[in-house]
Amino acid sequence: MEAYDQNQGIILYKTKLVGHKSGKLKIWEPHDYALVYLNGKFIDTVFRDGGKWEVDLPKSEVKDPVLEILVEGMGHINFAQFMIDRKGITDRVTLNGMTLMNWETFLLPMDEKFIASLKLLKESMNNDSKHCRFFKGEFMLEEMGDTYFDMNRYTRGVLYVNGHNLGRFWNIGPQQRLYCPASFFKKGKNEVIIFDFHQESAESLTGHRRIQ
């Protein structure tokens, strides 16, 4: 990501498979969480932790299958030998040992400016994917106060309230609620946007006075 002047958020890598078209796909040290798609269909996830960087890529009837890898940076390590912690795909991608080339890249910084630029699509999404969706909702307030939003009905992603990034959530825990200070709210209508990597449908969102 840093090579594209982006130090946070998500980057999408895209290429056509013109040699090997199925088999063992390996992402050489993804930083940090990656979703693999073939012809728009979700195949598997790859996580930096533990070194499980291989995915079984199925056969495709398409002449030149399109491979897409969506990678999220989860924050930079800031100590010892890990201080230089680059994000995205940090080395290469191989399919049955062959290095894949001719990549296109698309930047999604996921910062407040990017979220403010989002537009609602008039056409429905491709339901074959069922991943990486934005959910938008509204709620009314007469009084403001510090609040913890309960994210246990969602899977993994980022929460924004009135354009402010409240942080990441992940259903593996341990944290299930995200803090929102009273100053982020406004009297009357408030907007919430949830980006979720795996959620298929919108669920209700509740606020609480305490973290648990």
N, C-alpha and C. Protein backbone atom coordinates (compact mmCIF):
# COMPACT_ATOMS: atom_id res chain seq x y z
N MET A 1 0.83 -1.21 0.00
CA MET A 1 0.00 0.00 0.00
C MET A 1 0.86 1.25 0.00
N GLU A 2 1.95 1.22 0.75
CA GLU A 2 2.80 2.40 0.87
C GLU A 2 3.37 2.84 -0.48
N ALA A 3 3.58 1.90 -1.39
CA ALA A 3 4.07 2.24 -2.73
C ALA A 3 3.07 3.07 -3.52
N TYR A 4 1.80 3.01 -3.10
CA TYR A 4 0.73 3.80 -3.73
C TYR A 4 0.31 4.98 -2.86
N ASP A 5 1.16 5.32 -1.90
CA ASP A 5 0.92 6.45 -1.01
C ASP A 5 -0.35 6.25 -0.17
N GLN A 6 -0.58 5.01 0.24
CA GLN A 6 -1.71 4.69 1.11
C GLN A 6 -1.18 3.88 2.30
N ASN A 7 -1.47 4.34 3.51
CA ASN A 7 -0.94 3.66 4.69
C ASN A 7 -2.02 3.03 5.56
N GLN A 8 -3.23 2.95 5.04
CA GLN A 8 -4.32 2.34 5.81
C GLN A 8 -5.41 1.91 4.84
N GLY A 9 -6.39 1.17 5.37
CA GLY A 9 -7.54 0.81 4.56
C GLY A 9 -7.37 -0.48 3.79
N ILE A 10 -7.84 -0.48 2.54
CA ILE A 10 -7.94 -1.69 1.74
C ILE A 10 -7.37 -1.44 0.35
N ILE A 11 -6.78 -2.48 -0.24
CA ILE A 11 -6.31 -2.41 -1.62
C ILE A 11 -6.78 -3.66 -2.35
N LEU A 12 -7.23 -3.47 -3.59
CA LEU A 12 -7.70 -4.57 -4.42
C LEU A 12 -6.71 -4.83 -5.54
N TYR A 13 -6.27 -6.10 -5.65
CA TYR A 13 -5.39 -6.53 -6.73
C TYR A 13 -6.19 -7.38 -7.71
N LYS A 14 -5.98 -7.16 -9.01
CA LYS A 14 -6.78 -7.85 -10.02
C LYS A 14 -5.90 -8.24 -11.21
N THR A 15 -6.06 -9.48 -11.67
CA THR A 15 -5.32 -9.93 -12.84
C THR A 15 -6.08 -11.06 -13.54
N LYS A 16 -5.71 -11.33 -14.79
CA LYS A 16 -6.28 -12.45 -15.54
C LYS A 16 -5.32 -13.63 -15.48
N LEU A 17 -5.88 -14.83 -15.34
CA LEU A 17 -5.07 -16.05 -15.32
C LEU A 17 -4.93 -16.56 -16.75
N VAL A 18 -3.72 -16.45 -17.30
CA VAL A 18 -3.50 -16.83 -18.69
C VAL A 18 -2.61 -18.07 -18.82
N GLY A 19 -2.01 -18.52 -17.73
CA GLY A 19 -1.21 -19.74 -17.73
C GLY A 19 -1.94 -20.81 -16.94
N HIS A 20 -1.44 -21.08 -15.75
CA HIS A 20 -2.17 -21.94 -14.83
C HIS A 20 -3.47 -21.24 -14.43
N LYS A 21 -4.55 -22.00 -14.37
CA LYS A 21 -5.85 -21.39 -14.09
C LYS A 21 -6.56 -22.01 -12.89
N SER A 22 -5.92 -22.99 -12.25
CA SER A 22 -6.45 -23.59 -11.04
C SER A 22 -5.30 -24.23 -10.28
N GLY A 23 -5.53 -24.56 -9.02
CA GLY A 23 -4.49 -25.21 -8.23
C GLY A 23 -4.19 -24.45 -6.96
N LYS A 24 -2.93 -24.52 -6.50
CA LYS A 24 -2.52 -23.91 -5.24
C LYS A 24 -2.12 -22.45 -5.45
N LEU A 25 -2.96 -21.57 -4.95
CA LEU A 25 -2.65 -20.14 -4.99
C LEU A 25 -2.00 -19.76 -3.66
N LYS A 26 -0.88 -19.08 -3.73
CA LYS A 26 -0.20 -18.67 -2.50
C LYS A 26 0.10 -17.18 -2.54
N ILE A 27 -0.31 -16.49 -1.49
CA ILE A 27 0.00 -15.07 -1.31
C ILE A 27 1.18 -14.99 -0.35
N TRP A 28 2.30 -14.49 -0.86
CA TRP A 28 3.51 -14.47 -0.04
C TRP A 28 3.47 -13.29 0.92
N GLU A 29 3.13 -13.62 2.13
CA GLU A 29 2.98 -12.73 3.29
C GLU A 29 2.01 -11.58 3.04
N PRO A 30 0.73 -11.87 3.11
CA PRO A 30 -0.27 -10.80 3.03
C PRO A 30 -0.33 -10.04 4.35
N HIS A 31 -0.40 -8.74 4.26
CA HIS A 31 -0.52 -7.90 5.47
C HIS A 31 -1.78 -7.05 5.34
N ASP A 32 -2.95 -7.45 5.95
CA ASP A 32 -2.91 -8.49 6.97
C ASP A 32 -4.02 -9.54 6.74
N TYR A 33 -5.10 -9.12 6.11
CA TYR A 33 -6.27 -9.99 5.94
C TYR A 33 -6.72 -9.90 4.49
N ALA A 34 -6.84 -11.05 3.82
CA ALA A 34 -7.13 -11.04 2.39
C ALA A 34 -8.32 -11.92 2.06
N LEU A 35 -9.12 -11.46 1.09
CA LEU A 35 -10.22 -12.25 0.54
C LEU A 35 -9.89 -12.53 -0.92
N VAL A 36 -10.06 -13.78 -1.33
CA VAL A 36 -9.72 -14.21 -2.69
C VAL A 36 -11.01 -14.48 -3.47
N TYR A 37 -11.09 -13.91 -4.69
CA TYR A 37 -12.25 -14.08 -5.56
C TYR A 37 -11.80 -14.60 -6.92
N LEU A 38 -12.60 -15.45 -7.52
CA LEU A 38 -12.37 -15.92 -8.88
C LEU A 38 -13.62 -15.67 -9.69
N ASN A 39 -13.49 -14.85 -10.73
CA ASN A 39 -14.64 -14.45 -11.56
C ASN A 39 -15.78 -13.88 -10.72
N GLY A 40 -15.42 -13.10 -9.70
CA GLY A 40 -16.40 -12.45 -8.86
C GLY A 40 -16.96 -13.31 -7.75
N LYS A 41 -16.57 -14.57 -7.69
CA LYS A 41 -17.09 -15.49 -6.67
C LYS A 41 -16.07 -15.64 -5.55
N PHE A 42 -16.54 -15.49 -4.31
CA PHE A 42 -15.66 -15.61 -3.15
C PHE A 42 -15.15 -17.04 -3.02
N ILE A 43 -13.83 -17.18 -2.81
CA ILE A 43 -13.21 -18.50 -2.69
C ILE A 43 -12.78 -18.79 -1.26
N ASP A 44 -11.99 -17.89 -0.66
CA ASP A 44 -11.47 -18.17 0.69
C ASP A 44 -10.81 -16.91 1.24
N THR A 45 -10.47 -16.96 2.52
CA THR A 45 -9.74 -15.87 3.18
C THR A 45 -8.34 -16.34 3.53
N VAL A 46 -7.43 -15.38 3.61
CA VAL A 46 -6.06 -15.63 4.03
C VAL A 46 -5.70 -14.60 5.08
N PHE A 47 -5.15 -15.07 6.21
CA PHE A 47 -4.81 -14.18 7.32
C PHE A 47 -3.30 -14.27 7.56
N ARG A 48 -2.71 -13.13 7.81
CA ARG A 48 -1.26 -13.06 8.04
C ARG A 48 -0.80 -13.98 9.17
N ASP A 49 -1.54 -14.04 10.23
CA ASP A 49 -1.15 -14.80 11.42
C ASP A 49 -1.12 -16.30 11.12
N GLY A 50 -0.04 -16.95 11.49
CA GLY A 50 0.04 -18.40 11.37
C GLY A 50 0.62 -18.92 10.08
N GLY A 51 0.77 -18.08 9.06
CA GLY A 51 1.42 -18.50 7.84
C GLY A 51 0.57 -19.35 6.91
N LYS A 52 -0.77 -19.41 7.12
CA LYS A 52 -1.64 -20.14 6.20
C LYS A 52 -1.98 -19.20 5.04
N TRP A 53 -1.14 -19.23 4.03
CA TRP A 53 -1.26 -18.27 2.95
C TRP A 53 -1.69 -18.92 1.64
N GLU A 54 -2.10 -20.19 1.68
CA GLU A 54 -2.48 -20.91 0.47
C GLU A 54 -3.99 -21.08 0.36
N VAL A 55 -4.47 -21.03 -0.89
CA VAL A 55 -5.88 -21.20 -1.20
C VAL A 55 -5.98 -22.19 -2.37
N ASP A 56 -6.94 -23.09 -2.30
CA ASP A 56 -7.20 -24.01 -3.41
C ASP A 56 -8.11 -23.31 -4.42
N LEU A 57 -7.54 -22.98 -5.57
CA LEU A 57 -8.28 -22.27 -6.61
C LEU A 57 -8.96 -23.30 -7.52
N PRO A 58 -10.29 -23.29 -7.60
CA PRO A 58 -11.00 -24.30 -8.39
C PRO A 58 -10.87 -24.06 -9.90
N LYS A 59 -11.21 -25.07 -10.69
CA LYS A 59 -11.21 -24.93 -12.13
C LYS A 59 -12.35 -24.02 -12.57
N SER A 60 -12.13 -23.33 -13.69
CA SER A 60 -13.11 -22.39 -14.20
C SER A 60 -13.35 -22.67 -15.68
N GLU A 61 -14.59 -22.47 -16.10
CA GLU A 61 -14.95 -22.65 -17.51
C GLU A 61 -14.63 -21.41 -18.34
N VAL A 62 -14.27 -20.32 -17.66
CA VAL A 62 -13.94 -19.07 -18.35
C VAL A 62 -12.57 -19.20 -19.01
N LYS A 63 -12.42 -18.67 -20.22
CA LYS A 63 -11.16 -18.78 -20.95
C LYS A 63 -10.02 -18.13 -20.18
N ASP A 64 -10.20 -16.88 -19.78
CA ASP A 64 -9.19 -16.17 -18.99
C ASP A 64 -9.81 -15.75 -17.67
N PRO A 65 -9.80 -16.63 -16.66
CA PRO A 65 -10.44 -16.31 -15.37
C PRO A 65 -9.83 -15.06 -14.74
N VAL A 66 -10.67 -14.30 -14.06
CA VAL A 66 -10.23 -13.08 -13.39
C VAL A 66 -10.03 -13.37 -11.90
N LEU A 67 -8.83 -13.15 -11.43
CA LEU A 67 -8.49 -13.32 -10.02
C LEU A 67 -8.46 -11.96 -9.35
N GLU A 68 -9.13 -11.85 -8.20
CA GLU A 68 -9.10 -10.61 -7.42
C GLU A 68 -8.74 -10.96 -5.98
N ILE A 69 -7.86 -10.15 -5.41
CA ILE A 69 -7.45 -10.32 -4.02
C ILE A 69 -7.63 -8.98 -3.31
N LEU A 70 -8.50 -8.98 -2.32
CA LEU A 70 -8.79 -7.78 -1.55
C LEU A 70 -8.05 -7.88 -0.22
N VAL A 71 -7.17 -6.92 0.06
CA VAL A 71 -6.32 -7.00 1.24
C VAL A 71 -6.58 -5.81 2.16
N GLU A 72 -6.79 -6.10 3.44
CA GLU A 72 -6.98 -5.06 4.46
C GLU A 72 -5.75 -4.95 5.33
N GLY A 73 -5.27 -3.72 5.53
CA GLY A 73 -4.24 -3.46 6.52
C GLY A 73 -4.89 -3.27 7.89
N MET A 74 -4.37 -3.95 8.90
CA MET A 74 -5.00 -3.94 10.23
C MET A 74 -4.21 -3.14 11.26
N GLY A 75 -3.44 -2.17 10.80
CA GLY A 75 -2.64 -1.38 11.73
C GLY A 75 -1.19 -1.82 11.69
N HIS A 76 -0.28 -0.90 11.96
CA HIS A 76 1.15 -1.16 11.81
C HIS A 76 1.79 -1.58 13.14
N ILE A 77 2.61 -2.61 13.07
CA ILE A 77 3.42 -3.01 14.22
C ILE A 77 4.47 -1.94 14.45
N ASN A 78 4.70 -1.59 15.72
CA ASN A 78 5.58 -0.44 15.99
C ASN A 78 6.68 -0.76 17.00
N PHE A 79 7.26 -1.99 16.88
CA PHE A 79 8.33 -2.31 17.80
C PHE A 79 9.33 -3.27 17.15
N ALA A 80 10.56 -3.22 17.65
CA ALA A 80 11.63 -4.16 17.35
C ALA A 80 11.83 -4.38 15.85
N GLN A 81 12.11 -5.64 15.47
CA GLN A 81 12.43 -5.94 14.07
C GLN A 81 11.25 -5.84 13.14
N PHE A 82 10.04 -5.67 13.71
CA PHE A 82 8.83 -5.57 12.90
C PHE A 82 8.42 -4.13 12.62
N MET A 83 9.30 -3.18 12.96
CA MET A 83 8.96 -1.76 12.84
C MET A 83 8.57 -1.38 11.41
N ILE A 84 9.29 -1.89 10.41
CA ILE A 84 8.94 -1.62 9.01
C ILE A 84 7.89 -2.64 8.61
N ASP A 85 6.63 -2.25 8.71
CA ASP A 85 5.50 -3.16 8.54
C ASP A 85 4.65 -2.69 7.37
N ARG A 86 5.02 -3.11 6.16
CA ARG A 86 4.29 -2.70 4.97
C ARG A 86 2.97 -3.43 4.85
N LYS A 87 1.99 -2.80 4.19
CA LYS A 87 0.65 -3.37 4.07
C LYS A 87 0.33 -3.75 2.63
N GLY A 88 -0.62 -4.69 2.50
CA GLY A 88 -0.99 -5.21 1.19
C GLY A 88 -0.30 -6.54 0.94
N ILE A 89 -0.06 -6.87 -0.33
CA ILE A 89 0.73 -8.05 -0.68
C ILE A 89 2.18 -7.61 -0.70
N THR A 90 2.98 -8.13 0.21
CA THR A 90 4.32 -7.59 0.42
C THR A 90 5.40 -8.25 -0.44
N ASP A 91 5.08 -9.34 -1.14
CA ASP A 91 6.07 -9.97 -2.00
C ASP A 91 5.46 -10.31 -3.36
N ARG A 92 4.82 -11.47 -3.49
CA ARG A 92 4.26 -11.90 -4.77
C ARG A 92 3.14 -12.88 -4.55
N VAL A 93 2.47 -13.22 -5.65
CA VAL A 93 1.41 -14.23 -5.63
C VAL A 93 1.79 -15.30 -6.65
N THR A 94 1.71 -16.58 -6.24
CA THR A 94 2.04 -17.66 -7.15
C THR A 94 0.87 -18.62 -7.29
N LEU A 95 0.77 -19.24 -8.45
CA LEU A 95 -0.23 -20.27 -8.71
C LEU A 95 0.52 -21.50 -9.20
N ASN A 96 0.52 -22.54 -8.38
CA ASN A 96 1.31 -23.76 -8.65
C ASN A 96 2.78 -23.42 -8.86
N GLY A 97 3.26 -22.44 -8.08
CA GLY A 97 4.66 -22.05 -8.14
C GLY A 97 4.99 -20.99 -9.17
N MET A 98 4.07 -20.69 -10.07
CA MET A 98 4.30 -19.68 -11.11
C MET A 98 3.88 -18.31 -10.61
N THR A 99 4.77 -17.32 -10.70
CA THR A 99 4.47 -15.97 -10.25
C THR A 99 3.48 -15.30 -11.19
N LEU A 100 2.41 -14.77 -10.65
CA LEU A 100 1.39 -14.10 -11.45
C LEU A 100 1.80 -12.66 -11.70
N MET A 101 1.51 -12.17 -12.91
CA MET A 101 1.95 -10.84 -13.33
C MET A 101 0.75 -10.02 -13.80
N ASN A 102 1.06 -8.79 -14.27
CA ASN A 102 0.10 -7.88 -14.90
C ASN A 102 -1.08 -7.55 -13.98
N TRP A 103 -0.75 -7.07 -12.81
CA TRP A 103 -1.78 -6.72 -11.83
C TRP A 103 -2.30 -5.31 -12.04
N GLU A 104 -3.60 -5.15 -11.84
CA GLU A 104 -4.22 -3.83 -11.66
C GLU A 104 -4.47 -3.64 -10.17
N THR A 105 -4.39 -2.40 -9.71
CA THR A 105 -4.65 -2.12 -8.30
C THR A 105 -5.68 -1.02 -8.16
N PHE A 106 -6.52 -1.15 -7.14
CA PHE A 106 -7.56 -0.18 -6.84
C PHE A 106 -7.48 0.16 -5.36
N LEU A 107 -7.43 1.45 -5.04
CA LEU A 107 -7.22 1.90 -3.67
C LEU A 107 -8.53 2.26 -2.99
N LEU A 108 -8.71 1.75 -1.79
CA LEU A 108 -9.87 2.07 -0.95
C LEU A 108 -9.34 2.46 0.43
N PRO A 109 -9.00 3.73 0.65
CA PRO A 109 -8.37 4.13 1.91
C PRO A 109 -9.27 4.00 3.13
N MET A 110 -10.59 3.97 2.93
CA MET A 110 -11.55 3.78 4.03
C MET A 110 -11.50 4.88 5.08
N ASP A 111 -10.91 6.02 4.74
CA ASP A 111 -10.89 7.13 5.68
C ASP A 111 -12.19 7.93 5.56
N GLU A 112 -12.31 8.97 6.34
CA GLU A 112 -13.57 9.71 6.39
C GLU A 112 -13.89 10.40 5.06
N LYS A 113 -12.86 10.86 4.35
CA LYS A 113 -13.09 11.48 3.04
C LYS A 113 -13.62 10.45 2.06
N PHE A 114 -13.08 9.24 2.08
CA PHE A 114 -13.53 8.19 1.18
C PHE A 114 -14.97 7.80 1.50
N ILE A 115 -15.30 7.66 2.77
CA ILE A 115 -16.66 7.27 3.17
C ILE A 115 -17.66 8.34 2.74
N ALA A 116 -17.28 9.61 2.85
CA ALA A 116 -18.17 10.70 2.46
C ALA A 116 -18.44 10.71 0.95
N SER A 117 -17.54 10.11 0.17
CA SER A 117 -17.69 10.12 -1.29
C SER A 117 -18.54 8.95 -1.80
N LEU A 118 -18.95 8.04 -0.93
CA LEU A 118 -19.70 6.87 -1.37
C LEU A 118 -21.06 7.28 -1.94
N LYS A 119 -21.47 6.56 -2.98
CA LYS A 119 -22.78 6.82 -3.59
C LYS A 119 -23.57 5.51 -3.67
N LEU A 120 -24.86 5.63 -3.50
CA LEU A 120 -25.74 4.46 -3.54
C LEU A 120 -25.88 3.97 -4.98
N LEU A 121 -25.67 2.67 -5.19
CA LEU A 121 -25.84 2.10 -6.52
C LEU A 121 -27.32 1.89 -6.81
N LYS A 122 -27.73 2.24 -8.02
CA LYS A 122 -29.13 2.05 -8.41
C LYS A 122 -29.42 0.57 -8.72
N GLU A 123 -28.40 -0.13 -9.24
CA GLU A 123 -28.57 -1.54 -9.56
C GLU A 123 -28.15 -2.39 -8.38
N SER A 124 -28.81 -3.55 -8.24
CA SER A 124 -28.48 -4.45 -7.13
C SER A 124 -27.11 -5.06 -7.35
N MET A 125 -26.47 -5.49 -6.25
CA MET A 125 -25.15 -6.08 -6.32
C MET A 125 -25.23 -7.50 -6.87
N ASN A 126 -24.09 -8.00 -7.29
CA ASN A 126 -23.99 -9.39 -7.73
C ASN A 126 -24.12 -10.30 -6.51
N ASN A 127 -25.20 -11.04 -6.44
CA ASN A 127 -25.45 -11.87 -5.27
C ASN A 127 -24.56 -13.09 -5.19
N ASP A 128 -23.75 -13.36 -6.23
CA ASP A 128 -22.84 -14.49 -6.18
C ASP A 128 -21.75 -14.26 -5.15
N SER A 129 -21.44 -12.99 -4.87
CA SER A 129 -20.33 -12.68 -3.98
C SER A 129 -20.73 -12.76 -2.51
N LYS A 130 -21.76 -12.01 -2.14
CA LYS A 130 -22.24 -11.96 -0.76
C LYS A 130 -21.14 -11.54 0.22
N HIS A 131 -20.25 -10.67 -0.23
CA HIS A 131 -19.19 -10.20 0.64
C HIS A 131 -18.92 -8.73 0.35
N CYS A 132 -18.31 -8.06 1.35
CA CYS A 132 -17.86 -6.67 1.22
C CYS A 132 -19.01 -5.74 0.87
N ARG A 133 -19.85 -5.51 1.85
CA ARG A 133 -21.01 -4.63 1.64
C ARG A 133 -20.98 -3.45 2.61
N PHE A 134 -21.54 -2.34 2.14
CA PHE A 134 -21.80 -1.19 3.00
C PHE A 134 -23.28 -1.21 3.39
N PHE A 135 -23.54 -1.01 4.67
CA PHE A 135 -24.91 -0.89 5.17
C PHE A 135 -25.07 0.51 5.76
N LYS A 136 -26.17 1.15 5.41
CA LYS A 136 -26.41 2.52 5.86
C LYS A 136 -27.75 2.61 6.57
N GLY A 137 -27.76 3.30 7.72
CA GLY A 137 -29.00 3.48 8.47
C GLY A 137 -29.03 4.82 9.17
N GLU A 138 -30.18 5.15 9.73
CA GLU A 138 -30.36 6.43 10.44
C GLU A 138 -31.08 6.20 11.76
N PHE A 139 -30.84 7.11 12.70
CA PHE A 139 -31.57 7.07 13.97
C PHE A 139 -31.70 8.50 14.50
N MET A 140 -32.72 8.72 15.32
CA MET A 140 -33.02 10.05 15.85
C MET A 140 -32.59 10.13 17.32
N LEU A 141 -32.07 11.32 17.70
CA LEU A 141 -31.67 11.56 19.09
C LEU A 141 -32.24 12.89 19.58
N GLU A 142 -32.71 12.88 20.80
CA GLU A 142 -33.10 14.12 21.47
C GLU A 142 -32.04 14.56 22.47
N GLU A 143 -31.31 13.58 23.03
CA GLU A 143 -30.22 13.88 23.95
C GLU A 143 -28.99 13.10 23.54
N MET A 144 -27.81 13.69 23.73
CA MET A 144 -26.55 13.05 23.38
C MET A 144 -25.83 12.55 24.61
N GLY A 145 -25.12 11.43 24.45
CA GLY A 145 -24.32 10.89 25.53
C GLY A 145 -23.32 9.88 25.00
N ASP A 146 -22.28 9.63 25.77
CA ASP A 146 -21.31 8.61 25.36
C ASP A 146 -22.01 7.26 25.20
N THR A 147 -21.66 6.54 24.14
CA THR A 147 -22.40 5.32 23.78
C THR A 147 -21.44 4.23 23.31
N TYR A 148 -21.81 2.99 23.59
CA TYR A 148 -21.09 1.83 23.07
C TYR A 148 -22.02 1.08 22.12
N PHE A 149 -21.62 0.98 20.83
CA PHE A 149 -22.43 0.28 19.85
C PHE A 149 -22.10 -1.21 19.87
N ASP A 150 -23.15 -2.02 20.00
CA ASP A 150 -22.99 -3.47 20.05
C ASP A 150 -22.95 -4.02 18.63
N MET A 151 -21.83 -4.67 18.27
CA MET A 151 -21.63 -5.16 16.90
C MET A 151 -21.77 -6.67 16.79
N ASN A 152 -22.35 -7.32 17.78
CA ASN A 152 -22.36 -8.79 17.77
C ASN A 152 -23.29 -9.39 16.71
N ARG A 153 -24.09 -8.57 16.03
CA ARG A 153 -24.92 -9.08 14.94
C ARG A 153 -24.21 -8.99 13.59
N TYR A 154 -23.00 -8.42 13.62
CA TYR A 154 -22.22 -8.29 12.39
C TYR A 154 -20.97 -9.16 12.46
N THR A 155 -20.24 -9.25 11.34
CA THR A 155 -19.16 -10.24 11.25
C THR A 155 -17.78 -9.64 11.42
N ARG A 156 -17.39 -8.79 10.47
CA ARG A 156 -16.04 -8.23 10.52
C ARG A 156 -15.98 -7.00 9.63
N GLY A 157 -15.59 -5.87 10.20
CA GLY A 157 -15.55 -4.67 9.37
C GLY A 157 -15.25 -3.42 10.17
N VAL A 158 -15.86 -2.30 9.73
CA VAL A 158 -15.60 -0.98 10.31
C VAL A 158 -16.93 -0.26 10.50
N LEU A 159 -17.03 0.51 11.59
CA LEU A 159 -18.24 1.26 11.91
C LEU A 159 -17.96 2.76 11.83
N TYR A 160 -18.88 3.49 11.16
CA TYR A 160 -18.80 4.94 11.05
C TYR A 160 -20.10 5.55 11.56
N VAL A 161 -20.00 6.60 12.36
CA VAL A 161 -21.17 7.34 12.83
C VAL A 161 -21.00 8.80 12.47
N ASN A 162 -21.94 9.33 11.67
CA ASN A 162 -21.88 10.71 11.18
C ASN A 162 -20.51 11.01 10.54
N GLY A 163 -19.99 10.02 9.82
CA GLY A 163 -18.73 10.19 9.11
C GLY A 163 -17.49 9.90 9.92
N HIS A 164 -17.64 9.67 11.24
CA HIS A 164 -16.49 9.41 12.11
C HIS A 164 -16.21 7.90 12.19
N ASN A 165 -14.97 7.53 12.03
CA ASN A 165 -14.56 6.13 12.12
C ASN A 165 -14.44 5.74 13.59
N LEU A 166 -15.29 4.80 14.02
CA LEU A 166 -15.25 4.35 15.42
C LEU A 166 -14.31 3.18 15.63
N GLY A 167 -13.86 2.55 14.54
CA GLY A 167 -12.92 1.44 14.68
C GLY A 167 -13.43 0.17 14.04
N ARG A 168 -12.61 -0.88 14.17
CA ARG A 168 -12.94 -2.18 13.60
C ARG A 168 -13.69 -3.06 14.59
N PHE A 169 -14.42 -4.01 14.03
CA PHE A 169 -15.05 -5.05 14.85
C PHE A 169 -14.81 -6.39 14.19
N TRP A 170 -14.83 -7.45 14.97
CA TRP A 170 -14.61 -8.81 14.47
C TRP A 170 -15.32 -9.76 15.43
N ASN A 171 -16.14 -10.65 14.90
CA ASN A 171 -16.96 -11.49 15.78
C ASN A 171 -16.16 -12.53 16.55
N ILE A 172 -14.87 -12.67 16.27
CA ILE A 172 -14.06 -13.59 17.07
C ILE A 172 -13.72 -12.99 18.43
N GLY A 173 -14.00 -11.68 18.61
CA GLY A 173 -13.77 -11.02 19.88
C GLY A 173 -12.31 -10.65 20.09
N PRO A 174 -11.96 -10.27 21.35
CA PRO A 174 -12.83 -10.28 22.53
C PRO A 174 -13.79 -9.08 22.61
N GLN A 175 -13.43 -7.97 21.95
CA GLN A 175 -14.28 -6.78 22.03
C GLN A 175 -15.49 -6.92 21.12
N GLN A 176 -16.68 -6.58 21.64
CA GLN A 176 -17.91 -6.67 20.86
C GLN A 176 -18.61 -5.32 20.72
N ARG A 177 -18.15 -4.31 21.47
CA ARG A 177 -18.78 -2.99 21.41
C ARG A 177 -17.75 -1.92 21.10
N LEU A 178 -18.16 -0.92 20.32
CA LEU A 178 -17.29 0.18 19.93
C LEU A 178 -17.78 1.49 20.56
N TYR A 179 -16.83 2.23 21.11
CA TYR A 179 -17.15 3.46 21.83
C TYR A 179 -17.39 4.63 20.87
N CYS A 180 -18.43 5.40 21.15
CA CYS A 180 -18.72 6.62 20.40
C CYS A 180 -18.92 7.76 21.39
N PRO A 181 -18.08 8.80 21.37
CA PRO A 181 -18.25 9.93 22.29
C PRO A 181 -19.49 10.75 21.94
N ALA A 182 -20.04 11.41 22.93
CA ALA A 182 -21.25 12.20 22.73
C ALA A 182 -21.06 13.29 21.68
N SER A 183 -19.82 13.80 21.54
CA SER A 183 -19.55 14.89 20.60
C SER A 183 -19.71 14.46 19.14
N PHE A 184 -19.73 13.15 18.85
CA PHE A 184 -19.91 12.68 17.48
C PHE A 184 -21.38 12.67 17.07
N PHE A 185 -22.27 12.79 18.04
CA PHE A 185 -23.71 12.79 17.75
C PHE A 185 -24.20 14.21 17.50
N LYS A 186 -25.42 14.30 16.98
CA LYS A 186 -26.08 15.58 16.83
C LYS A 186 -27.57 15.40 17.12
N LYS A 187 -28.19 16.46 17.55
CA LYS A 187 -29.61 16.38 17.86
C LYS A 187 -30.41 16.21 16.57
N GLY A 188 -31.35 15.28 16.62
CA GLY A 188 -32.13 14.97 15.42
C GLY A 188 -31.59 13.75 14.72
N LYS A 189 -31.49 13.82 13.39
CA LYS A 189 -31.12 12.65 12.59
C LYS A 189 -29.62 12.40 12.60
N ASN A 190 -29.23 11.16 12.84
CA ASN A 190 -27.84 10.72 12.81
C ASN A 190 -27.70 9.58 11.81
N GLU A 191 -26.51 9.47 11.22
CA GLU A 191 -26.28 8.45 10.19
C GLU A 191 -25.22 7.46 10.65
N VAL A 192 -25.46 6.20 10.37
CA VAL A 192 -24.49 5.15 10.65
C VAL A 192 -24.20 4.39 9.36
N ILE A 193 -22.92 4.11 9.12
CA ILE A 193 -22.49 3.30 7.98
C ILE A 193 -21.63 2.16 8.51
N ILE A 194 -21.94 0.95 8.08
CA ILE A 194 -21.17 -0.22 8.47
C ILE A 194 -20.60 -0.86 7.22
N PHE A 195 -19.29 -1.05 7.20
CA PHE A 195 -18.68 -1.86 6.15
C PHE A 195 -18.36 -3.22 6.75
N ASP A 196 -18.84 -4.28 6.10
CA ASP A 196 -18.62 -5.62 6.61
C ASP A 196 -18.09 -6.51 5.48
N PHE A 197 -17.01 -7.24 5.76
CA PHE A 197 -16.40 -8.11 4.76
C PHE A 197 -17.25 -9.32 4.42
N HIS A 198 -18.05 -9.80 5.37
CA HIS A 198 -18.73 -11.08 5.19
C HIS A 198 -20.24 -11.05 5.40
N GLN A 199 -20.77 -9.97 5.92
CA GLN A 199 -22.20 -9.91 6.24
C GLN A 199 -23.06 -9.94 4.98
N GLU A 200 -24.12 -10.75 4.99
CA GLU A 200 -24.98 -10.86 3.83
C GLU A 200 -26.21 -9.96 3.89
N SER A 201 -26.65 -9.59 5.09
CA SER A 201 -27.84 -8.76 5.21
C SER A 201 -27.70 -7.82 6.40
N ALA A 202 -28.44 -6.71 6.33
CA ALA A 202 -28.40 -5.72 7.40
C ALA A 202 -29.08 -6.25 8.66
N GLU A 203 -28.50 -5.93 9.80
CA GLU A 203 -29.08 -6.29 11.09
C GLU A 203 -29.23 -5.03 11.93
N SER A 204 -30.03 -5.10 12.97
CA SER A 204 -30.23 -3.94 13.84
C SER A 204 -28.96 -3.63 14.63
N LEU A 205 -28.82 -2.37 15.00
CA LEU A 205 -27.65 -1.90 15.74
C LEU A 205 -28.15 -1.21 17.00
N THR A 206 -27.59 -1.56 18.15
CA THR A 206 -28.04 -0.99 19.41
C THR A 206 -26.90 -0.30 20.13
N GLY A 207 -27.24 0.74 20.91
CA GLY A 207 -26.27 1.46 21.72
C GLY A 207 -26.49 1.20 23.19
N HIS A 208 -25.39 1.25 23.95
CA HIS A 208 -25.44 0.96 25.39
C HIS A 208 -24.60 1.96 26.16
N ARG A 209 -24.87 2.07 27.44
CA ARG A 209 -24.12 2.98 28.30
C ARG A 209 -22.78 2.39 28.71
N ARG A 210 -22.66 1.07 28.69
CA ARG A 210 -21.44 0.41 29.17
C ARG A 210 -20.81 -0.42 28.07
N ILE A 211 -19.50 -0.71 28.22
CA ILE A 211 -18.79 -1.46 27.20
C ILE A 211 -19.27 -2.90 27.12
N GLN A 212 -19.70 -3.50 28.21
CA GLN A 212 -20.21 -4.87 28.19
C GLN A 212 -21.44 -4.97 29.09
